[in-house]
Amino acid sequence: MHLCALLTLLLPFAAPTWGADYNAFPDLGISDPASLQEASRVLEEELRLAARPQTYLLVDLVAHRIAIKARGVVLHQIPIVGWSGSASDQMANTFRLIARPPVVRPIIDPSSAVEREPIALADMPTQYRVTFTPPFNLEIVPAAGEDPIRWAWANVSDWWRQLGRWSSSLMAGHTSQNEPSLRITLSVEQARSLAWSMVDGMALVIRRPADQ
C-alpha cells in the first residue's frame, strides 16, 4: 500500500520530460486496494517505457480511453465506445506489437504514368486485428451506427473463432488456455487514427478494472 501511494505521488517528478501537468489517474479510487494495486503496476510499467524515447499505448479500460504517449506525456487520446475481453488475468504485462495493421490500396499498373498518392489517414482500416508478444490479441471494430457491415462482420468472425477454439478443446478432451484478448469499439475516425499511430514493436500497457 505504501508503494502505491509513493508511486502516485512521485510519478510526476520521476523524469524531467514527464511534465509538471501530468495527472496519472484522476479517477483512481484511493479507498479501493485493488484499484491502487492495478494503478501501481501500470505506473511501474510506464516508468520503464518513459525512460526511452519511444511512443507507446496505454489502454485504460477504467477511464474508457486509449492514450498514445511518449516519455509519459499524452500525445493523443482516443475515447473507447465499448470493449470486451478474455483472460484479463494475463494482461498484467507490457506487450509489443508484432506488425501494424495492413493497409489495402488499389493496385496501380506499373506501366501507368499515374503517380500513386502518399498513404493518407483515409486509407487506414477501420476494422482490424493485431497480435502482440507475449501472446495478446487486440481487435478494433467500428461503432455499429457508423459502419454496420464491418461491425457485423467483426461479430461473425469473433463468433467463428470462439467456435473453433471450443471445437479444438472438445476434440482434445481438455479445456485449452485462451490467449488474452481485447475487442475494442471505436468511432470510424478514431479507429483509423489508432491504426495510423501504430508502428512495429510498439509497446502496449493495459489498465484493468479492479473487478476483472
N, C-alpha and C. Protein backbone atom coordinates (compact mmCIF):
# COMPACT_ATOMS: atom_id res chain seq x y z
N MET A 1 0.82 -1.21 0.00
CA MET A 1 0.00 0.00 0.00
C MET A 1 0.85 1.26 0.00
N HIS A 2 1.93 1.23 0.80
CA HIS A 2 2.83 2.38 0.85
C HIS A 2 3.49 2.60 -0.51
N LEU A 3 3.82 1.51 -1.21
CA LEU A 3 4.43 1.62 -2.53
C LEU A 3 3.48 2.28 -3.51
N CYS A 4 2.20 1.93 -3.44
CA CYS A 4 1.20 2.52 -4.34
C CYS A 4 1.12 4.03 -4.13
N ALA A 5 1.02 4.43 -2.86
CA ALA A 5 0.91 5.85 -2.57
C ALA A 5 2.17 6.60 -2.99
N LEU A 6 3.34 5.98 -2.77
CA LEU A 6 4.60 6.62 -3.11
C LEU A 6 4.72 6.82 -4.62
N LEU A 7 4.36 5.79 -5.38
CA LEU A 7 4.44 5.91 -6.84
C LEU A 7 3.48 6.97 -7.36
N THR A 8 2.28 7.02 -6.78
CA THR A 8 1.29 8.01 -7.23
C THR A 8 1.78 9.42 -6.99
N LEU A 9 2.49 9.63 -5.89
CA LEU A 9 2.97 10.96 -5.54
C LEU A 9 4.21 11.35 -6.32
N LEU A 10 5.10 10.38 -6.56
CA LEU A 10 6.39 10.69 -7.16
C LEU A 10 6.42 10.59 -8.67
N LEU A 11 5.44 9.95 -9.28
CA LEU A 11 5.49 9.73 -10.72
C LEU A 11 5.63 11.02 -11.52
N PRO A 12 4.91 12.13 -11.20
CA PRO A 12 5.07 13.34 -11.99
C PRO A 12 6.48 13.89 -12.01
N PHE A 13 7.30 13.51 -11.03
CA PHE A 13 8.65 14.07 -10.92
C PHE A 13 9.72 13.03 -11.22
N ALA A 14 9.30 11.87 -11.72
CA ALA A 14 10.26 10.78 -11.94
C ALA A 14 11.26 11.11 -13.03
N ALA A 15 10.87 11.92 -14.02
CA ALA A 15 11.78 12.32 -15.09
C ALA A 15 11.37 13.71 -15.54
N PRO A 16 12.33 14.59 -15.85
CA PRO A 16 12.00 15.95 -16.23
C PRO A 16 11.09 16.05 -17.44
N THR A 17 11.15 15.04 -18.33
CA THR A 17 10.37 15.12 -19.55
C THR A 17 8.91 14.76 -19.36
N TRP A 18 8.50 14.32 -18.19
CA TRP A 18 7.11 13.93 -17.98
C TRP A 18 6.20 15.15 -17.91
N GLY A 19 6.73 16.27 -17.47
CA GLY A 19 5.93 17.48 -17.43
C GLY A 19 5.22 17.63 -16.11
N ALA A 20 5.12 18.87 -15.65
CA ALA A 20 4.51 19.15 -14.35
C ALA A 20 3.00 18.95 -14.37
N ASP A 21 2.38 18.95 -15.56
CA ASP A 21 0.93 18.85 -15.64
C ASP A 21 0.46 17.40 -15.79
N TYR A 22 1.38 16.45 -15.64
CA TYR A 22 0.99 15.05 -15.79
C TYR A 22 0.08 14.63 -14.64
N ASN A 23 -1.09 14.08 -14.99
CA ASN A 23 -2.04 13.61 -13.98
C ASN A 23 -2.32 12.15 -14.30
N ALA A 24 -1.78 11.25 -13.51
CA ALA A 24 -1.82 9.84 -13.86
C ALA A 24 -3.25 9.31 -13.99
N PHE A 25 -3.94 9.15 -12.89
CA PHE A 25 -5.28 8.58 -12.92
C PHE A 25 -6.20 9.40 -12.01
N PRO A 26 -6.80 10.46 -12.52
CA PRO A 26 -7.67 11.29 -11.69
C PRO A 26 -8.91 10.55 -11.20
N ASP A 27 -9.26 9.42 -11.85
CA ASP A 27 -10.44 8.66 -11.45
C ASP A 27 -10.08 7.54 -10.48
N LEU A 28 -8.86 7.52 -9.97
CA LEU A 28 -8.40 6.43 -9.12
C LEU A 28 -9.15 6.43 -7.78
N GLY A 29 -9.69 5.27 -7.43
CA GLY A 29 -10.36 5.12 -6.14
C GLY A 29 -9.35 4.80 -5.06
N ILE A 30 -8.94 5.81 -4.32
CA ILE A 30 -7.88 5.64 -3.32
C ILE A 30 -8.28 4.69 -2.21
N SER A 31 -9.58 4.56 -1.96
CA SER A 31 -10.03 3.67 -0.88
C SER A 31 -10.16 2.22 -1.33
N ASP A 32 -9.88 1.95 -2.59
CA ASP A 32 -10.00 0.60 -3.13
C ASP A 32 -8.61 -0.01 -3.31
N PRO A 33 -8.23 -0.96 -2.47
CA PRO A 33 -6.88 -1.56 -2.56
C PRO A 33 -6.59 -2.20 -3.91
N ALA A 34 -7.60 -2.84 -4.52
CA ALA A 34 -7.37 -3.49 -5.81
C ALA A 34 -7.09 -2.46 -6.90
N SER A 35 -7.80 -1.34 -6.86
CA SER A 35 -7.57 -0.27 -7.84
C SER A 35 -6.19 0.33 -7.66
N LEU A 36 -5.77 0.51 -6.41
CA LEU A 36 -4.45 1.05 -6.12
C LEU A 36 -3.35 0.10 -6.61
N GLN A 37 -3.54 -1.18 -6.39
CA GLN A 37 -2.54 -2.16 -6.81
C GLN A 37 -2.41 -2.16 -8.33
N GLU A 38 -3.53 -2.10 -9.04
CA GLU A 38 -3.50 -2.09 -10.50
C GLU A 38 -2.85 -0.81 -11.02
N ALA A 39 -3.19 0.34 -10.41
CA ALA A 39 -2.59 1.61 -10.83
C ALA A 39 -1.09 1.60 -10.59
N SER A 40 -0.67 1.02 -9.47
CA SER A 40 0.75 0.94 -9.15
C SER A 40 1.49 0.11 -10.20
N ARG A 41 0.89 -1.01 -10.60
CA ARG A 41 1.51 -1.86 -11.63
C ARG A 41 1.65 -1.12 -12.95
N VAL A 42 0.60 -0.42 -13.35
CA VAL A 42 0.63 0.31 -14.62
C VAL A 42 1.67 1.43 -14.58
N LEU A 43 1.75 2.13 -13.45
CA LEU A 43 2.73 3.22 -13.32
C LEU A 43 4.16 2.69 -13.39
N GLU A 44 4.39 1.53 -12.79
CA GLU A 44 5.73 0.94 -12.86
C GLU A 44 6.09 0.57 -14.30
N GLU A 45 5.12 0.02 -15.03
CA GLU A 45 5.35 -0.31 -16.45
C GLU A 45 5.64 0.96 -17.24
N GLU A 46 4.89 2.02 -16.96
CA GLU A 46 5.07 3.28 -17.69
C GLU A 46 6.42 3.93 -17.39
N LEU A 47 6.87 3.83 -16.17
CA LEU A 47 8.17 4.40 -15.82
C LEU A 47 9.28 3.77 -16.65
N ARG A 48 9.19 2.46 -16.85
CA ARG A 48 10.21 1.79 -17.66
C ARG A 48 10.12 2.23 -19.13
N LEU A 49 8.91 2.37 -19.62
CA LEU A 49 8.74 2.77 -21.02
C LEU A 49 9.14 4.22 -21.24
N ALA A 50 8.83 5.09 -20.27
CA ALA A 50 9.11 6.51 -20.41
C ALA A 50 10.59 6.84 -20.32
N ALA A 51 11.38 5.88 -19.89
CA ALA A 51 12.82 6.11 -19.78
C ALA A 51 13.50 6.14 -21.14
N ARG A 52 12.79 5.70 -22.19
CA ARG A 52 13.37 5.66 -23.53
C ARG A 52 12.55 6.53 -24.48
N PRO A 53 13.18 7.10 -25.51
CA PRO A 53 12.44 7.91 -26.49
C PRO A 53 11.62 7.03 -27.43
N GLN A 54 10.38 6.78 -27.06
CA GLN A 54 9.51 5.92 -27.85
C GLN A 54 8.06 6.29 -27.58
N THR A 55 7.20 5.99 -28.51
CA THR A 55 5.77 6.14 -28.27
C THR A 55 5.21 4.78 -27.85
N TYR A 56 4.19 4.82 -27.01
CA TYR A 56 3.57 3.59 -26.55
C TYR A 56 2.09 3.85 -26.30
N LEU A 57 1.34 2.77 -26.13
CA LEU A 57 -0.10 2.86 -25.94
C LEU A 57 -0.47 2.47 -24.52
N LEU A 58 -1.34 3.25 -23.91
CA LEU A 58 -1.94 2.91 -22.63
C LEU A 58 -3.43 2.72 -22.87
N VAL A 59 -3.88 1.48 -22.79
CA VAL A 59 -5.30 1.19 -22.94
C VAL A 59 -5.92 1.21 -21.55
N ASP A 60 -6.64 2.26 -21.25
CA ASP A 60 -7.23 2.46 -19.93
C ASP A 60 -8.69 2.03 -19.97
N LEU A 61 -8.94 0.82 -19.52
CA LEU A 61 -10.30 0.29 -19.55
C LEU A 61 -11.16 0.86 -18.44
N VAL A 62 -10.54 1.49 -17.46
CA VAL A 62 -11.28 2.13 -16.37
C VAL A 62 -11.82 3.48 -16.84
N ALA A 63 -10.95 4.27 -17.45
CA ALA A 63 -11.34 5.59 -17.93
C ALA A 63 -11.94 5.56 -19.34
N HIS A 64 -11.95 4.39 -19.96
CA HIS A 64 -12.50 4.21 -21.31
C HIS A 64 -11.81 5.11 -22.33
N ARG A 65 -10.50 4.98 -22.39
CA ARG A 65 -9.75 5.74 -23.38
C ARG A 65 -8.42 5.04 -23.68
N ILE A 66 -7.91 5.31 -24.88
CA ILE A 66 -6.58 4.85 -25.27
C ILE A 66 -5.70 6.08 -25.39
N ALA A 67 -4.59 6.08 -24.70
CA ALA A 67 -3.67 7.22 -24.74
C ALA A 67 -2.42 6.82 -25.51
N ILE A 68 -2.08 7.64 -26.49
CA ILE A 68 -0.81 7.49 -27.20
C ILE A 68 0.18 8.40 -26.49
N LYS A 69 1.25 7.83 -25.95
CA LYS A 69 2.12 8.58 -25.06
C LYS A 69 3.59 8.46 -25.47
N ALA A 70 4.38 9.41 -24.99
CA ALA A 70 5.83 9.38 -25.15
C ALA A 70 6.43 10.09 -23.95
N ARG A 71 7.39 9.43 -23.32
CA ARG A 71 8.03 9.99 -22.11
C ARG A 71 6.99 10.34 -21.04
N GLY A 72 5.88 9.60 -21.02
CA GLY A 72 4.84 9.84 -20.03
C GLY A 72 3.87 10.94 -20.38
N VAL A 73 4.10 11.63 -21.49
CA VAL A 73 3.23 12.73 -21.90
C VAL A 73 2.20 12.22 -22.89
N VAL A 74 0.95 12.59 -22.69
CA VAL A 74 -0.13 12.19 -23.60
C VAL A 74 -0.04 13.00 -24.88
N LEU A 75 0.14 12.30 -26.01
CA LEU A 75 0.18 12.96 -27.31
C LEU A 75 -1.19 13.02 -27.96
N HIS A 76 -1.99 11.99 -27.69
CA HIS A 76 -3.33 11.93 -28.29
C HIS A 76 -4.17 10.96 -27.47
N GLN A 77 -5.45 11.26 -27.31
CA GLN A 77 -6.36 10.38 -26.59
C GLN A 77 -7.51 9.96 -27.49
N ILE A 78 -7.86 8.69 -27.38
CA ILE A 78 -8.93 8.12 -28.20
C ILE A 78 -10.00 7.55 -27.26
N PRO A 79 -11.21 8.07 -27.32
CA PRO A 79 -12.28 7.54 -26.45
C PRO A 79 -12.73 6.16 -26.89
N ILE A 80 -12.95 5.29 -25.93
CA ILE A 80 -13.42 3.93 -26.19
C ILE A 80 -14.94 3.91 -26.11
N VAL A 81 -15.60 3.44 -27.18
CA VAL A 81 -17.05 3.35 -27.21
C VAL A 81 -17.52 2.16 -26.39
N GLY A 82 -16.82 1.04 -26.53
CA GLY A 82 -17.16 -0.15 -25.77
C GLY A 82 -16.04 -1.17 -25.87
N TRP A 83 -16.04 -2.15 -24.98
CA TRP A 83 -14.99 -3.16 -25.02
C TRP A 83 -15.46 -4.45 -24.35
N SER A 84 -14.79 -5.53 -24.70
CA SER A 84 -14.97 -6.82 -24.05
C SER A 84 -13.63 -7.54 -24.12
N GLY A 85 -13.40 -8.46 -23.21
CA GLY A 85 -12.11 -9.13 -23.19
C GLY A 85 -12.18 -10.50 -22.55
N SER A 86 -11.09 -11.22 -22.67
CA SER A 86 -10.98 -12.54 -22.06
C SER A 86 -9.58 -12.72 -21.49
N ALA A 87 -9.49 -13.56 -20.48
CA ALA A 87 -8.21 -13.86 -19.81
C ALA A 87 -7.54 -12.58 -19.33
N SER A 88 -8.30 -11.73 -18.65
CA SER A 88 -7.74 -10.45 -18.19
C SER A 88 -6.64 -10.63 -17.16
N ASP A 89 -6.61 -11.80 -16.49
CA ASP A 89 -5.56 -12.05 -15.52
C ASP A 89 -4.19 -12.15 -16.17
N GLN A 90 -4.16 -12.37 -17.51
CA GLN A 90 -2.90 -12.46 -18.23
C GLN A 90 -2.52 -11.14 -18.92
N MET A 91 -3.26 -10.08 -18.63
CA MET A 91 -2.99 -8.78 -19.26
C MET A 91 -2.06 -7.90 -18.45
N ALA A 92 -1.59 -8.39 -17.32
CA ALA A 92 -0.68 -7.61 -16.48
C ALA A 92 0.74 -7.72 -17.01
N ASN A 93 0.97 -7.07 -18.14
CA ASN A 93 2.26 -7.20 -18.81
C ASN A 93 2.46 -6.02 -19.74
N THR A 94 3.66 -5.88 -20.28
CA THR A 94 3.92 -4.94 -21.37
C THR A 94 4.02 -5.75 -22.64
N PHE A 95 3.14 -5.46 -23.59
CA PHE A 95 3.08 -6.21 -24.83
C PHE A 95 3.72 -5.40 -25.96
N ARG A 96 4.29 -6.10 -26.93
CA ARG A 96 4.93 -5.45 -28.08
C ARG A 96 4.21 -5.86 -29.37
N LEU A 97 3.86 -4.88 -30.16
CA LEU A 97 3.14 -5.11 -31.41
C LEU A 97 4.04 -5.84 -32.41
N ILE A 98 3.54 -6.93 -32.96
CA ILE A 98 4.31 -7.70 -33.94
C ILE A 98 4.30 -7.01 -35.30
N ALA A 99 3.14 -6.58 -35.74
CA ALA A 99 3.03 -5.90 -37.04
C ALA A 99 1.83 -4.97 -37.02
N ARG A 100 2.01 -3.79 -37.56
CA ARG A 100 0.92 -2.81 -37.60
C ARG A 100 -0.17 -3.28 -38.55
N PRO A 101 -1.37 -2.71 -38.45
CA PRO A 101 -2.46 -3.13 -39.33
C PRO A 101 -2.11 -2.92 -40.80
N PRO A 102 -2.45 -3.87 -41.66
CA PRO A 102 -2.15 -3.72 -43.08
C PRO A 102 -3.03 -2.66 -43.73
N VAL A 103 -2.49 -2.00 -44.73
CA VAL A 103 -3.23 -1.00 -45.50
C VAL A 103 -3.47 -1.56 -46.89
N VAL A 104 -4.72 -1.71 -47.26
CA VAL A 104 -5.08 -2.26 -48.56
C VAL A 104 -5.40 -1.10 -49.50
N ARG A 105 -4.63 -0.99 -50.57
CA ARG A 105 -4.85 0.08 -51.55
C ARG A 105 -4.99 -0.53 -52.95
N PRO A 106 -5.73 0.16 -53.82
CA PRO A 106 -5.89 -0.34 -55.19
C PRO A 106 -4.54 -0.52 -55.88
N ILE A 107 -4.43 -1.61 -56.65
CA ILE A 107 -3.19 -1.89 -57.38
C ILE A 107 -3.11 -1.00 -58.63
N ILE A 108 -1.97 -0.35 -58.80
CA ILE A 108 -1.76 0.52 -59.96
C ILE A 108 -0.83 -0.17 -60.94
N ASP A 109 -1.17 -0.09 -62.19
CA ASP A 109 -0.34 -0.67 -63.26
C ASP A 109 1.03 0.01 -63.26
N PRO A 110 2.12 -0.78 -63.10
CA PRO A 110 3.46 -0.18 -63.06
C PRO A 110 3.80 0.63 -64.32
N SER A 111 3.18 0.27 -65.44
CA SER A 111 3.46 1.00 -66.68
C SER A 111 2.66 2.29 -66.81
N SER A 112 1.75 2.48 -65.86
CA SER A 112 0.92 3.69 -65.92
C SER A 112 1.72 4.91 -65.51
N ALA A 113 1.37 6.03 -66.09
CA ALA A 113 2.06 7.28 -65.76
C ALA A 113 1.45 7.96 -64.54
N VAL A 114 0.37 7.37 -64.03
CA VAL A 114 -0.29 7.95 -62.86
C VAL A 114 0.55 7.72 -61.62
N GLU A 115 0.82 8.77 -60.91
CA GLU A 115 1.65 8.68 -59.70
C GLU A 115 0.77 8.35 -58.51
N ARG A 116 1.22 7.39 -57.72
CA ARG A 116 0.45 6.99 -56.54
C ARG A 116 0.52 8.06 -55.46
N GLU A 117 -0.64 8.37 -54.89
CA GLU A 117 -0.68 9.36 -53.82
C GLU A 117 -0.10 8.75 -52.54
N PRO A 118 0.52 9.58 -51.68
CA PRO A 118 1.02 9.06 -50.40
C PRO A 118 -0.13 8.51 -49.55
N ILE A 119 0.21 7.56 -48.68
CA ILE A 119 -0.80 6.98 -47.81
C ILE A 119 -1.36 8.08 -46.90
N ALA A 120 -2.68 8.15 -46.81
CA ALA A 120 -3.36 9.16 -46.00
C ALA A 120 -4.16 8.48 -44.90
N LEU A 121 -4.66 9.27 -43.97
CA LEU A 121 -5.45 8.74 -42.87
C LEU A 121 -6.68 8.00 -43.38
N ALA A 122 -7.25 8.49 -44.46
CA ALA A 122 -8.45 7.85 -45.03
C ALA A 122 -8.16 6.44 -45.55
N ASP A 123 -6.89 6.11 -45.79
CA ASP A 123 -6.51 4.77 -46.28
C ASP A 123 -6.42 3.75 -45.15
N MET A 124 -6.42 4.22 -43.92
CA MET A 124 -6.26 3.31 -42.78
C MET A 124 -7.53 2.47 -42.58
N PRO A 125 -7.35 1.23 -42.11
CA PRO A 125 -8.51 0.36 -41.88
C PRO A 125 -9.32 0.80 -40.67
N THR A 126 -10.58 0.44 -40.67
CA THR A 126 -11.46 0.76 -39.53
C THR A 126 -11.78 -0.49 -38.71
N GLN A 127 -11.49 -1.66 -39.25
CA GLN A 127 -11.70 -2.91 -38.54
C GLN A 127 -10.47 -3.78 -38.77
N TYR A 128 -9.77 -4.12 -37.69
CA TYR A 128 -8.54 -4.89 -37.84
C TYR A 128 -8.23 -5.63 -36.53
N ARG A 129 -7.36 -6.61 -36.68
CA ARG A 129 -6.93 -7.44 -35.55
C ARG A 129 -5.41 -7.52 -35.58
N VAL A 130 -4.78 -7.14 -34.49
CA VAL A 130 -3.32 -7.15 -34.41
C VAL A 130 -2.88 -8.03 -33.25
N THR A 131 -1.69 -8.60 -33.39
CA THR A 131 -1.17 -9.50 -32.36
C THR A 131 0.09 -8.92 -31.74
N PHE A 132 0.33 -9.35 -30.53
CA PHE A 132 1.46 -8.83 -29.74
C PHE A 132 2.24 -9.99 -29.16
N THR A 133 3.41 -9.66 -28.64
CA THR A 133 4.22 -10.59 -27.87
C THR A 133 4.58 -9.93 -26.53
N PRO A 134 4.43 -10.71 -25.42
CA PRO A 134 3.86 -12.04 -25.24
C PRO A 134 2.47 -12.14 -25.88
N PRO A 135 1.98 -13.36 -26.09
CA PRO A 135 0.73 -13.54 -26.81
C PRO A 135 -0.43 -12.69 -26.27
N PHE A 136 -0.96 -11.86 -27.14
CA PHE A 136 -2.10 -11.00 -26.83
C PHE A 136 -2.70 -10.53 -28.15
N ASN A 137 -4.03 -10.53 -28.22
CA ASN A 137 -4.72 -10.12 -29.44
C ASN A 137 -5.58 -8.89 -29.16
N LEU A 138 -5.49 -7.94 -30.04
CA LEU A 138 -6.30 -6.71 -29.94
C LEU A 138 -7.10 -6.57 -31.23
N GLU A 139 -8.42 -6.54 -31.07
CA GLU A 139 -9.30 -6.35 -32.23
C GLU A 139 -9.99 -5.01 -32.11
N ILE A 140 -9.93 -4.23 -33.18
CA ILE A 140 -10.59 -2.94 -33.24
C ILE A 140 -11.76 -3.06 -34.21
N VAL A 141 -12.93 -2.65 -33.76
CA VAL A 141 -14.12 -2.68 -34.62
C VAL A 141 -14.77 -1.31 -34.61
N PRO A 142 -15.38 -0.91 -35.74
CA PRO A 142 -16.06 0.38 -35.78
C PRO A 142 -17.42 0.32 -35.08
N ALA A 143 -17.89 1.46 -34.63
CA ALA A 143 -19.20 1.53 -33.99
C ALA A 143 -20.28 1.09 -34.97
N ALA A 144 -21.27 0.36 -34.47
CA ALA A 144 -22.31 -0.20 -35.33
C ALA A 144 -23.06 0.87 -36.11
N GLY A 145 -23.28 2.01 -35.50
CA GLY A 145 -24.03 3.07 -36.16
C GLY A 145 -23.29 3.72 -37.31
N GLU A 146 -21.95 3.62 -37.30
CA GLU A 146 -21.14 4.27 -38.34
C GLU A 146 -20.79 3.32 -39.48
N ASP A 147 -20.56 2.06 -39.15
CA ASP A 147 -20.17 1.09 -40.17
C ASP A 147 -20.79 -0.26 -39.82
N PRO A 148 -22.10 -0.41 -40.05
CA PRO A 148 -22.79 -1.63 -39.61
C PRO A 148 -22.29 -2.90 -40.28
N ILE A 149 -21.84 -2.81 -41.54
CA ILE A 149 -21.39 -4.01 -42.25
C ILE A 149 -20.12 -4.56 -41.62
N ARG A 150 -19.13 -3.68 -41.40
CA ARG A 150 -17.89 -4.14 -40.78
C ARG A 150 -18.11 -4.56 -39.34
N TRP A 151 -19.00 -3.89 -38.64
CA TRP A 151 -19.32 -4.27 -37.26
C TRP A 151 -19.91 -5.68 -37.23
N ALA A 152 -20.84 -5.94 -38.15
CA ALA A 152 -21.47 -7.27 -38.20
C ALA A 152 -20.44 -8.34 -38.58
N TRP A 153 -19.55 -8.01 -39.55
CA TRP A 153 -18.53 -8.97 -39.96
C TRP A 153 -17.58 -9.28 -38.81
N ALA A 154 -17.24 -8.27 -38.02
CA ALA A 154 -16.36 -8.48 -36.88
C ALA A 154 -17.02 -9.41 -35.86
N ASN A 155 -18.33 -9.27 -35.67
CA ASN A 155 -19.04 -10.14 -34.73
C ASN A 155 -19.08 -11.57 -35.22
N VAL A 156 -19.33 -11.76 -36.51
CA VAL A 156 -19.36 -13.11 -37.09
C VAL A 156 -17.97 -13.76 -36.97
N SER A 157 -16.93 -12.98 -37.29
CA SER A 157 -15.56 -13.51 -37.21
C SER A 157 -15.21 -13.91 -35.79
N ASP A 158 -15.61 -13.08 -34.82
CA ASP A 158 -15.34 -13.38 -33.42
C ASP A 158 -16.07 -14.65 -32.99
N TRP A 159 -17.32 -14.78 -33.40
CA TRP A 159 -18.09 -15.97 -33.06
C TRP A 159 -17.45 -17.21 -33.66
N TRP A 160 -16.97 -17.09 -34.91
CA TRP A 160 -16.36 -18.23 -35.60
C TRP A 160 -15.06 -18.66 -34.90
N ARG A 161 -14.27 -17.67 -34.46
CA ARG A 161 -13.02 -18.00 -33.75
C ARG A 161 -13.33 -18.71 -32.43
N GLN A 162 -14.33 -18.23 -31.70
CA GLN A 162 -14.70 -18.87 -30.45
C GLN A 162 -15.19 -20.30 -30.68
N LEU A 163 -15.95 -20.49 -31.75
CA LEU A 163 -16.42 -21.83 -32.08
C LEU A 163 -15.25 -22.76 -32.41
N GLY A 164 -14.24 -22.22 -33.14
CA GLY A 164 -13.06 -23.02 -33.47
C GLY A 164 -12.29 -23.42 -32.22
N ARG A 165 -12.14 -22.47 -31.28
CA ARG A 165 -11.43 -22.80 -30.03
C ARG A 165 -12.20 -23.85 -29.23
N TRP A 166 -13.52 -23.69 -29.18
CA TRP A 166 -14.33 -24.64 -28.42
C TRP A 166 -14.25 -26.03 -29.05
N SER A 167 -14.30 -26.09 -30.38
CA SER A 167 -14.23 -27.39 -31.07
C SER A 167 -12.87 -28.06 -30.84
N SER A 168 -11.81 -27.26 -30.88
CA SER A 168 -10.46 -27.81 -30.67
C SER A 168 -10.33 -28.36 -29.27
N SER A 169 -10.88 -27.64 -28.28
CA SER A 169 -10.81 -28.10 -26.89
C SER A 169 -11.61 -29.38 -26.71
N LEU A 170 -12.77 -29.46 -27.37
CA LEU A 170 -13.62 -30.64 -27.25
C LEU A 170 -12.94 -31.87 -27.84
N MET A 171 -12.29 -31.67 -28.98
CA MET A 171 -11.61 -32.80 -29.63
C MET A 171 -10.38 -33.24 -28.84
N ALA A 172 -9.72 -32.26 -28.20
CA ALA A 172 -8.53 -32.60 -27.41
C ALA A 172 -8.89 -33.21 -26.06
N GLY A 173 -10.13 -33.04 -25.65
CA GLY A 173 -10.58 -33.63 -24.39
C GLY A 173 -10.21 -32.82 -23.17
N HIS A 174 -9.79 -31.57 -23.37
CA HIS A 174 -9.47 -30.72 -22.23
C HIS A 174 -9.72 -29.28 -22.62
N THR A 175 -9.79 -28.44 -21.62
CA THR A 175 -10.02 -27.02 -21.86
C THR A 175 -8.69 -26.32 -22.09
N SER A 176 -8.53 -25.76 -23.28
CA SER A 176 -7.28 -25.06 -23.59
C SER A 176 -7.29 -23.66 -22.98
N GLN A 177 -6.12 -23.17 -22.67
CA GLN A 177 -5.99 -21.85 -22.07
C GLN A 177 -5.97 -20.80 -23.19
N ASN A 178 -6.96 -19.91 -23.14
CA ASN A 178 -7.06 -18.89 -24.16
C ASN A 178 -6.01 -17.81 -23.97
N GLU A 179 -5.54 -17.27 -25.09
CA GLU A 179 -4.65 -16.11 -25.02
C GLU A 179 -5.47 -14.90 -24.61
N PRO A 180 -4.87 -13.96 -23.87
CA PRO A 180 -5.61 -12.76 -23.52
C PRO A 180 -5.98 -11.98 -24.77
N SER A 181 -7.17 -11.42 -24.79
CA SER A 181 -7.62 -10.67 -25.96
C SER A 181 -8.55 -9.55 -25.54
N LEU A 182 -8.56 -8.51 -26.34
CA LEU A 182 -9.44 -7.36 -26.15
C LEU A 182 -10.14 -7.05 -27.46
N ARG A 183 -11.40 -6.74 -27.36
CA ARG A 183 -12.17 -6.28 -28.52
C ARG A 183 -12.68 -4.89 -28.17
N ILE A 184 -12.19 -3.89 -28.88
CA ILE A 184 -12.50 -2.50 -28.55
C ILE A 184 -13.27 -1.86 -29.71
N THR A 185 -14.35 -1.19 -29.35
CA THR A 185 -15.15 -0.47 -30.34
C THR A 185 -14.78 1.01 -30.31
N LEU A 186 -14.44 1.53 -31.49
CA LEU A 186 -14.09 2.95 -31.63
C LEU A 186 -14.92 3.57 -32.75
N SER A 187 -14.94 4.88 -32.78
CA SER A 187 -15.55 5.55 -33.92
C SER A 187 -14.68 5.27 -35.15
N VAL A 188 -15.25 5.41 -36.33
CA VAL A 188 -14.50 5.14 -37.56
C VAL A 188 -13.26 6.02 -37.63
N GLU A 189 -13.41 7.30 -37.32
CA GLU A 189 -12.27 8.22 -37.38
C GLU A 189 -11.18 7.83 -36.41
N GLN A 190 -11.56 7.46 -35.19
CA GLN A 190 -10.58 7.10 -34.18
C GLN A 190 -9.94 5.75 -34.45
N ALA A 191 -10.68 4.84 -35.07
CA ALA A 191 -10.08 3.54 -35.46
C ALA A 191 -8.97 3.76 -36.47
N ARG A 192 -9.21 4.65 -37.43
CA ARG A 192 -8.18 4.98 -38.41
C ARG A 192 -7.00 5.70 -37.74
N SER A 193 -7.30 6.57 -36.82
CA SER A 193 -6.25 7.32 -36.13
C SER A 193 -5.33 6.38 -35.35
N LEU A 194 -5.92 5.38 -34.68
CA LEU A 194 -5.12 4.42 -33.93
C LEU A 194 -4.24 3.59 -34.87
N ALA A 195 -4.82 3.13 -35.98
CA ALA A 195 -4.05 2.35 -36.95
C ALA A 195 -2.89 3.17 -37.50
N TRP A 196 -3.13 4.44 -37.74
CA TRP A 196 -2.10 5.35 -38.26
C TRP A 196 -0.95 5.49 -37.26
N SER A 197 -1.27 5.46 -35.98
CA SER A 197 -0.26 5.69 -34.93
C SER A 197 0.58 4.47 -34.62
N MET A 198 0.11 3.30 -34.99
CA MET A 198 0.81 2.07 -34.63
C MET A 198 2.06 1.85 -35.48
N VAL A 199 3.11 1.37 -34.82
CA VAL A 199 4.35 1.01 -35.50
C VAL A 199 4.80 -0.36 -34.99
N ASP A 200 5.51 -1.09 -35.81
CA ASP A 200 6.00 -2.40 -35.40
C ASP A 200 6.86 -2.28 -34.14
N GLY A 201 6.60 -3.16 -33.19
CA GLY A 201 7.37 -3.15 -31.95
C GLY A 201 6.83 -2.20 -30.90
N MET A 202 5.75 -1.50 -31.18
CA MET A 202 5.19 -0.53 -30.24
C MET A 202 4.71 -1.23 -28.97
N ALA A 203 4.98 -0.61 -27.83
CA ALA A 203 4.59 -1.19 -26.54
C ALA A 203 3.15 -0.83 -26.20
N LEU A 204 2.50 -1.72 -25.47
CA LEU A 204 1.13 -1.51 -25.04
C LEU A 204 0.98 -1.97 -23.60
N VAL A 205 0.35 -1.13 -22.78
CA VAL A 205 0.07 -1.45 -21.38
C VAL A 205 -1.43 -1.30 -21.17
N ILE A 206 -2.01 -2.18 -20.38
CA ILE A 206 -3.45 -2.17 -20.15
C ILE A 206 -3.73 -1.91 -18.67
N ARG A 207 -4.62 -0.97 -18.42
CA ARG A 207 -5.10 -0.74 -17.06
C ARG A 207 -6.48 -1.40 -16.96
N ARG A 208 -6.56 -2.41 -16.09
CA ARG A 208 -7.78 -3.20 -15.98
C ARG A 208 -8.67 -2.70 -14.85
N PRO A 209 -9.98 -2.87 -14.97
CA PRO A 209 -10.88 -2.54 -13.85
C PRO A 209 -10.56 -3.45 -12.67
N ALA A 210 -10.82 -2.97 -11.49
CA ALA A 210 -10.48 -3.74 -10.28
C ALA A 210 -11.25 -5.03 -10.17
N ASP A 211 -12.42 -5.10 -10.78
CA ASP A 211 -13.24 -6.32 -10.66
C ASP A 211 -12.94 -7.34 -11.73
N GLN A 212 -11.92 -7.11 -12.57
CA GLN A 212 -11.59 -8.04 -13.64
C GLN A 212 -10.56 -9.06 -13.18
